[in-house]
Amino acid sequence: MADKDTLAGRVKRYAKVGTTVGGFAVRAAGGRFLGIPIDREENAAELKAALGGLKGPLMKVAQIMATVPDFLPNEYIVELAKLQTNAPSMGWAFVRRRMAGELGPEWQARFKSFAPVAAAAASLGQVHRAVAHDGRQLACKIQYPDMASVVEADLKQLKMVFSLYRRYDGAIDPREIHKELSNRLREELDYRREARNLRLFKEILKREKGVHVPELVDELCSDRLLTMTWLEGEPLLKFVNRHIKSRNAVAHNMFRAWYVPFYYYGVLHGDPHLGNYTVRPDASVNLMDFGCVRIFKPSFVGAVIDLYKALRDDDEELAVHAYETWGFVNLRRDVINILNQWAHFLYAPLLDDKAKTIQETGGVMYGAGVAAKVHQELRRIGGVTPPKEFVLMDRSAIGLGSVFTHLKAEINWHRMFHNLIDDFDEKTLAKRQRKILGKFGIPPAD
């Protein structure tokens, strides 16, 4: 049974957020506005500790910030990147209580061994290594206590922040964004659902030799405990200085890992941050977290391809059709022109039939200059409301673009893309999607 969302739990969360982040903000403001000297490295470490200790959605914000190169000064990126796989973990007393609650008082007898110290800790839970009686190496993902209250409290605070943001910056109406994040975060609390997602991805990617998905251990799973086989690998950032052939291979495998499910089945992994995968010595990748997964209607996937064709062929009517299919409304010509600026940036690597880096200019800051220009233009014309279906698609594209930028990969993105879409047919996708979702008891797109 999942932890309940309680008023007392939310009140406690509000107090903790206010005290922890508020104290950090005061020190940071003192350094900026009062001229009080601060040590950037020390200040960054304090920020990591504050956000990591809070767990939940606020920590996920820090993870996203660390995914995009140069979004913050390097000292902050280094510290926040540690939150991807090395956030502060809960102690052994919590682990014993949680495991007993999920598997019973004799839970330790169900393992040959169980590591008391977490191997990795993230926003909603932490992972412990274990060994099964048959010798299999296992990863046990344990959800933190009171996470339902934590998520609801953070979502309410994020809604307030979005409301304030909307008052002084009208470029983006964030209401649909908040709705989408709320739905996905609540889903991430359901480890039974994540178990179904894991099985789904294992089936979808079973022919991809460059991508590995762990085996689920059903008898050691519950609402708040997910047990799977352990996959050995290293963080992506350890590969950024490897030979170009190795870096290109990692990028190719990441591209396939994310977009084979999307274009063949309408299934998208919406969280490509650094803690959700590792890389093997042969440049193949391990996918390990399946909490943030979205199912898209075949028409949405078709519109992604339609927009590519519209940009390639300078077909404004087809571009409008794609945006409307996604859920954009009130598409005046000036809005379309601004949306096309962002679309041209995202699709640019796919339009040229040649090997190239993911972006030709702009250093390692993926899309920052274009995003700033688009943001300014949207504010000038009164703003736009991105449909909720668009949120994770855009997030995945930017997250993967940041990965490819880190790797300095030089690939023919055009041909990789066409290998996925050349035989695309919306009706075929719909039939394939119904079949595979039905196999795992997963509902269709909402």
Protein backbone atom coordinates (compact mmCIF):
# COMPACT_ATOMS: atom_id res chain seq x y z
CA MET A 1 0.00 0.00 0.00
CA ALA A 2 1.49 3.36 -1.05
CA ASP A 3 2.11 6.10 1.53
CA LYS A 4 -0.94 8.35 1.92
CA ASP A 5 -1.05 12.03 1.11
CA THR A 6 -1.91 13.71 4.42
CA LEU A 7 -2.43 17.32 5.46
CA ALA A 8 0.10 16.87 8.28
CA GLY A 9 2.65 15.51 5.81
CA ARG A 10 2.20 18.46 3.47
CA VAL A 11 2.46 21.03 6.27
CA LYS A 12 5.68 19.38 7.42
CA ARG A 13 6.99 19.53 3.85
CA TYR A 14 6.19 23.24 3.47
CA ALA A 15 8.16 23.99 6.63
CA LYS A 16 11.12 21.91 5.52
CA VAL A 17 11.26 23.51 2.08
CA GLY A 18 11.00 27.01 3.51
CA THR A 19 13.73 26.47 6.08
CA THR A 20 16.21 24.62 3.87
CA VAL A 21 15.97 26.53 0.61
CA GLY A 22 15.22 29.83 2.33
CA GLY A 23 18.42 29.66 4.35
CA PHE A 24 20.47 28.93 1.24
CA ALA A 25 18.77 31.74 -0.69
CA VAL A 26 19.59 34.27 2.05
CA ARG A 27 23.30 33.36 1.95
CA ALA A 28 23.38 33.47 -1.86
CA ALA A 29 21.59 36.84 -1.92
CA GLY A 30 24.04 38.18 0.64
CA GLY A 31 26.89 37.32 -1.67
CA ARG A 32 25.22 38.91 -4.68
CA PHE A 33 23.65 42.07 -3.28
CA LEU A 34 25.58 42.91 -0.12
CA GLY A 35 29.03 42.15 -1.36
CA ILE A 36 29.61 39.43 1.23
CA PRO A 37 32.38 37.16 -0.09
CA ILE A 38 31.23 33.59 -0.76
CA ASP A 39 33.12 30.51 -1.84
CA ARG A 40 31.46 29.26 -5.03
CA GLU A 41 32.48 25.65 -4.51
CA GLU A 42 31.30 25.69 -0.90
CA ASN A 43 28.09 27.48 -1.88
CA ALA A 44 27.41 24.95 -4.64
CA ALA A 45 27.97 22.06 -2.25
CA GLU A 46 25.46 23.61 0.16
CA LEU A 47 22.90 23.91 -2.62
CA LYS A 48 23.36 20.25 -3.54
CA ALA A 49 22.97 19.22 0.10
CA ALA A 50 19.84 21.36 0.51
CA LEU A 51 18.09 20.12 -2.60
CA GLY A 52 19.24 16.54 -2.18
CA GLY A 53 17.99 16.44 1.39
CA LEU A 54 14.56 17.59 0.26
CA LYS A 55 14.07 14.72 -2.21
CA GLY A 56 10.97 14.84 -4.42
CA PRO A 57 10.11 17.15 -7.35
CA LEU A 58 12.29 20.05 -6.18
CA MET A 59 15.31 17.80 -6.43
CA LYS A 60 14.22 16.84 -9.94
CA VAL A 61 14.46 20.51 -10.89
CA ALA A 62 18.12 20.42 -9.85
CA GLN A 63 18.65 17.26 -11.91
CA ILE A 64 17.28 18.95 -15.01
CA MET A 65 19.49 22.01 -14.40
CA ALA A 66 22.55 19.77 -14.22
CA THR A 67 21.64 18.00 -17.46
CA VAL A 68 22.06 21.12 -19.60
CA PRO A 69 25.73 22.15 -19.96
CA ASP A 70 26.70 25.70 -18.90
CA PHE A 71 23.22 26.53 -17.57
CA LEU A 72 24.94 27.46 -14.30
CA PRO A 73 28.55 28.22 -13.35
CA ASN A 74 30.72 25.11 -13.55
CA GLU A 75 31.08 24.80 -9.75
CA TYR A 76 27.29 24.42 -9.47
CA ILE A 77 27.01 21.98 -12.39
CA VAL A 78 29.67 19.72 -10.83
CA GLU A 79 27.83 19.58 -7.52
CA LEU A 80 24.28 19.29 -8.90
CA ALA A 81 25.36 16.55 -11.30
CA LYS A 82 26.12 14.44 -8.23
CA LEU A 83 22.39 14.46 -7.48
CA GLN A 84 21.87 12.31 -10.55
CA THR A 85 23.23 9.19 -8.86
CA ASN A 86 24.75 10.27 -5.57
CA ALA A 87 22.21 12.30 -3.62
CA PRO A 88 22.12 12.06 0.19
CA SER A 89 20.57 8.70 1.08
CA MET A 90 18.33 7.53 3.92
CA GLY A 91 19.99 5.47 6.66
CA TRP A 92 19.86 1.79 7.55
CA ALA A 93 17.06 2.24 10.10
CA PHE A 94 14.76 3.54 7.33
CA VAL A 95 15.83 0.74 4.98
CA ARG A 96 15.03 -1.97 7.54
CA ARG A 97 11.60 -0.50 8.24
CA ARG A 98 10.74 -0.05 4.56
CA MET A 99 11.91 -3.52 3.54
CA ALA A 100 10.05 -5.16 6.43
CA GLY A 101 6.92 -3.27 5.45
CA GLU A 102 7.19 -4.42 1.83
CA LEU A 103 8.47 -8.02 2.17
CA GLY A 104 7.70 -8.91 5.80
CA PRO A 105 9.79 -9.12 9.00
CA GLU A 106 12.01 -11.91 7.63
CA TRP A 107 12.87 -9.99 4.49
CA GLN A 108 16.64 -10.41 4.81
CA ALA A 109 16.23 -14.19 4.53
CA ARG A 110 14.97 -13.66 0.98
CA PHE A 111 18.42 -12.44 -0.11
CA LYS A 112 21.84 -14.04 0.03
CA SER A 113 23.15 -10.60 0.92
CA PHE A 114 21.84 -7.02 1.01
CA ALA A 115 24.08 -3.93 1.11
CA PRO A 116 23.14 -1.61 3.99
CA VAL A 117 24.52 1.48 2.23
CA ALA A 118 22.70 2.79 -0.85
CA ALA A 119 24.54 2.43 -4.15
CA ALA A 120 22.61 5.41 -5.56
CA ALA A 121 20.04 7.86 -4.26
CA ALA A 122 17.76 10.13 -6.27
CA SER A 123 14.62 12.23 -5.94
CA LEU A 124 11.95 9.66 -5.06
CA GLY A 125 13.93 6.67 -3.87
CA GLN A 126 17.31 5.02 -3.41
CA VAL A 127 18.90 1.84 -4.77
CA HIS A 128 20.66 -0.89 -2.79
CA ARG A 129 22.73 -3.71 -4.21
CA ALA A 130 21.77 -7.24 -3.21
CA VAL A 131 22.50 -10.83 -4.21
CA ALA A 132 19.78 -13.41 -4.79
CA HIS A 133 20.10 -16.96 -3.48
CA ASP A 134 20.68 -18.13 -7.07
CA GLY A 135 23.64 -15.73 -7.36
CA ARG A 136 22.02 -13.02 -9.48
CA GLN A 137 23.23 -9.49 -8.78
CA LEU A 138 20.21 -7.34 -7.91
CA ALA A 139 19.22 -3.67 -7.64
CA CYS A 140 16.52 -2.91 -5.05
CA LYS A 141 14.86 0.49 -5.50
CA ILE A 142 13.16 1.65 -2.29
CA GLN A 143 10.76 4.60 -2.20
CA TYR A 144 11.32 7.25 0.46
CA PRO A 145 8.70 7.67 3.22
CA ASP A 146 5.67 9.97 2.86
CA MET A 147 6.39 10.64 -0.81
CA ALA A 148 2.72 11.13 -1.68
CA SER A 149 2.61 14.10 0.71
CA VAL A 150 5.97 15.34 -0.54
CA VAL A 151 4.86 15.29 -4.18
CA GLU A 152 1.53 17.01 -3.47
CA ALA A 153 3.23 19.68 -1.36
CA ASP A 154 5.88 20.35 -4.00
CA LEU A 155 3.33 20.42 -6.83
CA LYS A 156 1.31 23.01 -4.93
CA GLN A 157 4.40 25.14 -4.41
CA LEU A 158 5.41 24.76 -8.05
CA LYS A 159 1.91 25.87 -9.07
CA MET A 160 2.37 29.01 -6.97
CA VAL A 161 5.80 29.63 -8.50
CA PHE A 162 4.36 29.16 -12.00
CA SER A 163 1.56 31.61 -11.18
CA LEU A 164 4.06 34.25 -10.05
CA TYR A 165 6.19 33.57 -13.12
CA ARG A 166 3.17 34.10 -15.36
CA ARG A 167 2.54 37.55 -13.84
CA TYR A 168 5.89 38.98 -14.84
CA ASP A 169 6.70 36.87 -17.90
CA GLY A 170 3.88 36.07 -20.30
CA ALA A 171 5.95 34.21 -22.92
CA ILE A 172 4.80 30.76 -21.78
CA ASP A 173 1.55 29.92 -20.00
CA PRO A 174 2.73 27.11 -17.68
CA ARG A 175 -0.67 25.72 -16.64
CA GLU A 176 -0.60 22.76 -19.00
CA ILE A 177 3.06 22.16 -18.12
CA HIS A 178 2.15 21.93 -14.44
CA LYS A 179 -0.73 19.58 -15.28
CA GLU A 180 1.58 17.26 -17.21
CA LEU A 181 4.31 17.28 -14.55
CA SER A 182 1.70 16.57 -11.89
CA ASN A 183 0.35 13.55 -13.75
CA ARG A 184 3.76 12.10 -14.47
CA LEU A 185 5.12 12.63 -10.94
CA ARG A 186 2.11 10.96 -9.36
CA GLU A 187 2.62 8.04 -11.72
CA GLU A 188 6.26 7.75 -10.67
CA LEU A 189 5.13 6.94 -7.13
CA ASP A 190 3.47 3.75 -8.40
CA TYR A 191 6.22 1.15 -8.60
CA ARG A 192 3.76 -1.46 -9.92
CA ARG A 193 3.25 0.82 -12.89
CA GLU A 194 7.00 1.27 -13.33
CA ALA A 195 7.38 -2.52 -13.30
CA ARG A 196 4.95 -2.72 -16.24
CA ASN A 197 6.91 0.00 -18.03
CA LEU A 198 10.15 -1.93 -17.50
CA ARG A 199 8.64 -5.05 -19.06
CA LEU A 200 7.31 -2.94 -21.93
CA PHE A 201 10.71 -1.42 -22.72
CA LYS A 202 12.43 -4.79 -22.45
CA GLU A 203 10.07 -6.15 -25.09
CA ILE A 204 10.32 -3.10 -27.35
CA LEU A 205 14.14 -2.98 -27.22
CA LYS A 206 14.89 -6.71 -27.22
CA ARG A 207 16.42 -6.56 -30.73
CA GLU A 208 18.55 -3.48 -29.97
CA LYS A 209 22.01 -4.90 -29.27
CA GLY A 210 23.26 -1.50 -28.12
CA VAL A 211 20.63 -1.13 -25.38
CA HIS A 212 20.15 -3.22 -22.24
CA VAL A 213 17.11 -3.35 -19.95
CA PRO A 214 17.24 -5.25 -16.63
CA GLU A 215 15.13 -8.30 -15.73
CA LEU A 216 12.34 -7.68 -13.25
CA VAL A 217 12.25 -9.90 -10.14
CA ASP A 218 8.50 -10.05 -9.53
CA GLU A 219 8.55 -11.87 -6.20
CA LEU A 220 10.66 -9.08 -4.67
CA CYS A 221 8.50 -6.16 -5.86
CA SER A 222 5.68 -4.21 -4.21
CA ASP A 223 4.03 -0.77 -4.37
CA ARG A 224 7.16 0.90 -2.94
CA LEU A 225 9.88 -1.64 -3.77
CA LEU A 226 11.18 -2.46 -7.24
CA THR A 227 13.75 -5.23 -7.63
CA MET A 228 15.57 -5.94 -10.88
CA THR A 229 18.86 -7.41 -12.04
CA TRP A 230 21.92 -5.18 -11.64
CA LEU A 231 23.49 -3.80 -14.83
CA GLU A 232 27.18 -2.86 -14.68
CA GLY A 233 28.16 0.41 -16.31
CA GLU A 234 29.71 3.84 -15.85
CA PRO A 235 28.22 7.36 -15.94
CA LEU A 236 28.04 8.97 -19.35
CA LEU A 237 30.38 11.81 -18.34
CA LYS A 238 33.26 9.32 -18.09
CA PHE A 239 32.98 8.82 -21.87
CA VAL A 240 33.15 12.45 -22.99
CA ASN A 241 36.92 12.32 -23.52
CA ARG A 242 37.02 8.94 -25.26
CA HIS A 243 37.89 8.41 -28.92
CA ILE A 244 35.32 9.86 -31.34
CA LYS A 245 34.36 6.34 -32.50
CA SER A 246 33.38 5.38 -28.97
CA ARG A 247 31.51 8.64 -28.37
CA ASN A 248 29.62 8.25 -31.64
CA ALA A 249 28.65 4.70 -30.70
CA VAL A 250 27.24 5.86 -27.34
CA ALA A 251 25.26 8.62 -29.09
CA HIS A 252 23.92 6.16 -31.67
CA ASN A 253 22.76 3.77 -28.95
CA MET A 254 21.15 6.58 -26.94
CA PHE A 255 19.28 7.76 -30.05
CA ARG A 256 17.96 4.25 -30.68
CA ALA A 257 17.09 3.71 -27.00
CA TRP A 258 14.82 6.77 -26.97
CA TYR A 259 13.39 6.89 -30.46
CA VAL A 260 12.77 3.24 -31.44
CA PRO A 261 10.04 3.08 -28.74
CA PHE A 262 8.61 6.43 -29.83
CA TYR A 263 8.40 6.01 -33.60
CA TYR A 264 7.54 2.29 -33.58
CA TYR A 265 5.18 2.21 -30.60
CA GLY A 266 4.34 5.80 -29.54
CA VAL A 267 6.11 5.24 -26.21
CA LEU A 268 8.54 7.84 -24.83
CA HIS A 269 10.94 7.76 -21.91
CA GLY A 270 10.50 11.32 -20.68
CA ASP A 271 13.49 11.63 -18.34
CA PRO A 272 16.90 11.39 -20.04
CA HIS A 273 18.87 12.78 -17.09
CA LEU A 274 22.28 11.31 -16.31
CA GLY A 275 21.15 9.05 -13.48
CA ASN A 276 18.75 7.00 -15.59
CA TYR A 277 21.34 5.16 -17.65
CA THR A 278 24.95 4.00 -17.63
CA VAL A 279 27.39 3.07 -20.39
CA ARG A 280 29.23 -0.24 -20.85
CA PRO A 281 32.83 -0.56 -22.10
CA ASP A 282 31.52 -1.52 -25.57
CA ALA A 283 29.56 1.79 -25.71
CA SER A 284 26.18 0.09 -25.29
CA VAL A 285 23.84 1.70 -22.76
CA ASN A 286 21.89 0.41 -19.76
CA LEU A 287 18.41 1.86 -19.14
CA MET A 288 17.47 1.55 -15.47
CA ASP A 289 14.58 3.84 -14.57
CA PHE A 290 11.11 3.70 -16.13
CA GLY A 291 9.02 5.88 -13.85
CA CYS A 292 8.57 8.77 -16.31
CA VAL A 293 7.05 7.14 -19.39
CA ARG A 294 4.34 8.58 -21.63
CA ILE A 295 2.17 6.91 -24.23
CA PHE A 296 1.32 9.12 -27.23
CA LYS A 297 -1.52 8.81 -29.68
CA PRO A 298 -0.36 7.69 -33.14
CA SER A 299 -1.61 11.01 -34.54
CA PHE A 300 0.84 12.87 -32.27
CA VAL A 301 3.76 10.77 -33.55
CA GLY A 302 2.58 11.33 -37.10
CA ALA A 303 2.57 15.09 -36.49
CA VAL A 304 6.21 14.96 -35.34
CA ILE A 305 7.09 13.49 -38.73
CA ASP A 306 4.75 15.89 -40.55
CA LEU A 307 6.53 18.89 -39.03
CA TYR A 308 9.87 17.50 -40.21
CA LYS A 309 8.48 17.22 -43.75
CA ALA A 310 6.94 20.69 -43.50
CA LEU A 311 10.30 22.25 -42.59
CA ARG A 312 12.10 20.22 -45.24
CA ASP A 313 9.63 21.18 -47.98
CA ASP A 314 8.79 24.70 -46.72
CA ASP A 315 5.13 23.64 -46.40
CA GLU A 316 3.42 26.07 -44.01
CA GLU A 317 0.02 24.35 -44.27
CA LEU A 318 1.50 21.02 -43.15
CA ALA A 319 3.35 22.76 -40.29
CA VAL A 320 0.08 24.29 -39.05
CA HIS A 321 -1.57 20.85 -39.25
CA ALA A 322 1.25 19.38 -37.12
CA TYR A 323 1.01 22.09 -34.45
CA GLU A 324 -2.78 21.79 -34.30
CA THR A 325 -2.55 18.01 -34.00
CA TRP A 326 -0.24 18.47 -31.02
CA GLY A 327 -2.80 20.75 -29.40
CA PHE A 328 -1.60 24.29 -30.10
CA VAL A 329 -4.50 26.72 -30.57
CA ASN A 330 -4.99 30.26 -31.91
CA LEU A 331 -2.17 29.85 -34.40
CA ARG A 332 -1.76 33.30 -35.91
CA ARG A 333 0.95 33.74 -38.49
CA ASP A 334 3.29 35.48 -36.01
CA VAL A 335 2.88 32.57 -33.56
CA ILE A 336 3.63 30.05 -36.30
CA ASN A 337 6.77 31.95 -37.33
CA ILE A 338 8.07 31.89 -33.76
CA LEU A 339 7.25 28.21 -33.22
CA ASN A 340 9.05 27.45 -36.47
CA GLN A 341 12.22 29.09 -35.13
CA TRP A 342 12.33 26.54 -32.32
CA ALA A 343 11.31 23.70 -34.66
CA HIS A 344 14.06 24.61 -37.16
CA PHE A 345 16.60 24.40 -34.33
CA LEU A 346 15.40 20.98 -33.13
CA TYR A 347 15.06 19.48 -36.60
CA ALA A 348 18.15 21.07 -38.17
CA PRO A 349 20.48 18.06 -37.57
CA LEU A 350 17.90 15.78 -39.23
CA LEU A 351 17.57 17.87 -42.40
CA ASP A 352 21.17 17.52 -43.63
CA ASP A 353 22.27 14.18 -45.09
CA LYS A 354 25.78 14.30 -43.67
CA ALA A 355 27.70 13.53 -40.49
CA LYS A 356 27.74 16.53 -38.17
CA THR A 357 27.59 17.54 -34.51
CA ILE A 358 24.13 18.03 -33.05
CA GLN A 359 24.61 21.81 -33.31
CA GLU A 360 27.09 23.73 -35.41
CA THR A 361 27.44 26.79 -33.17
CA GLY A 362 26.83 27.83 -29.59
CA GLY A 363 29.50 25.87 -27.73
CA VAL A 364 28.23 23.26 -25.32
CA MET A 365 25.09 25.15 -24.30
CA TYR A 366 22.47 23.24 -26.27
CA GLY A 367 19.79 25.53 -27.64
CA ALA A 368 20.26 28.38 -25.15
CA GLY A 369 20.60 31.16 -27.71
CA VAL A 370 17.65 29.97 -29.78
CA ALA A 371 15.51 29.42 -26.68
CA ALA A 372 16.25 32.94 -25.43
CA LYS A 373 15.30 34.46 -28.77
CA VAL A 374 12.09 32.41 -29.02
CA HIS A 375 11.20 33.31 -25.44
CA GLN A 376 11.66 37.02 -26.15
CA GLU A 377 9.52 36.82 -29.29
CA LEU A 378 6.73 34.93 -27.53
CA ARG A 379 6.67 37.52 -24.75
CA ARG A 380 6.41 40.29 -27.33
CA ILE A 381 3.29 38.82 -28.98
CA GLY A 382 1.51 37.91 -25.74
CA GLY A 383 2.65 34.33 -25.16
CA VAL A 384 1.58 30.81 -26.00
CA THR A 385 0.19 27.83 -24.08
CA PRO A 386 2.18 24.65 -24.86
CA PRO A 387 -0.14 21.61 -24.83
CA LYS A 388 0.62 19.08 -22.11
CA GLU A 389 1.48 16.38 -24.66
CA PHE A 390 4.30 18.60 -25.91
CA VAL A 391 6.09 18.89 -22.55
CA LEU A 392 7.90 15.54 -22.29
CA MET A 393 8.60 15.41 -26.02
CA ASP A 394 10.42 18.73 -25.83
CA ARG A 395 12.15 17.78 -22.58
CA SER A 396 13.46 14.53 -24.08
CA ALA A 397 14.69 16.28 -27.24
CA ILE A 398 16.59 18.89 -25.21
CA GLY A 399 17.91 16.32 -22.73
CA LEU A 400 19.22 14.07 -25.50
CA GLY A 401 20.60 17.06 -27.37
CA SER A 402 22.56 17.93 -24.25
CA VAL A 403 23.90 14.35 -24.10
CA PHE A 404 25.01 14.49 -27.73
CA THR A 405 26.57 17.90 -27.11
CA HIS A 406 28.52 16.57 -24.12
CA LEU A 407 29.78 13.70 -26.30
CA LYS A 408 30.69 15.97 -29.24
CA ALA A 409 29.26 13.18 -31.39
CA GLU A 410 29.55 13.48 -35.18
CA ILE A 411 26.81 11.38 -36.74
CA ASN A 412 24.56 11.39 -39.79
CA TRP A 413 21.42 12.15 -37.76
CA HIS A 414 19.41 12.40 -40.99
CA ARG A 415 19.97 8.76 -41.89
CA MET A 416 19.39 7.51 -38.34
CA PHE A 417 16.09 9.37 -38.29
CA HIS A 418 15.02 8.11 -41.71
CA ASN A 419 15.82 4.53 -40.69
CA LEU A 420 13.04 4.96 -38.13
CA ILE A 421 10.41 6.88 -40.12
CA ASP A 422 10.68 5.83 -43.77
CA ASP A 423 8.08 3.07 -43.38
CA PHE A 424 5.92 5.00 -40.90
CA ASP A 425 2.19 4.48 -41.17
CA GLU A 426 -0.20 5.81 -38.55
CA LYS A 427 -2.60 2.87 -38.77
CA THR A 428 0.23 0.36 -38.47
CA LEU A 429 1.55 2.19 -35.40
CA ALA A 430 -1.94 2.19 -33.84
CA LYS A 431 -2.29 -1.56 -34.36
CA ARG A 432 1.22 -2.27 -33.04
CA GLN A 433 0.65 -0.01 -30.04
CA ARG A 434 -2.67 -1.63 -29.06
CA LYS A 435 -1.12 -5.07 -29.23
CA ILE A 436 1.92 -4.37 -27.08
CA LEU A 437 0.13 -2.21 -24.51
CA GLY A 438 -2.55 -4.87 -24.14
CA LYS A 439 0.12 -7.50 -23.55
CA PHE A 440 1.35 -5.65 -20.46
CA GLY A 441 -1.97 -4.27 -19.24
CA ILE A 442 -0.99 -0.65 -19.94
CA PRO A 443 -3.81 1.80 -20.77
CA PRO A 444 -3.68 3.75 -24.05
CA ALA A 445 -2.76 7.41 -24.37
CA ASP A 446 -4.86 9.82 -22.29
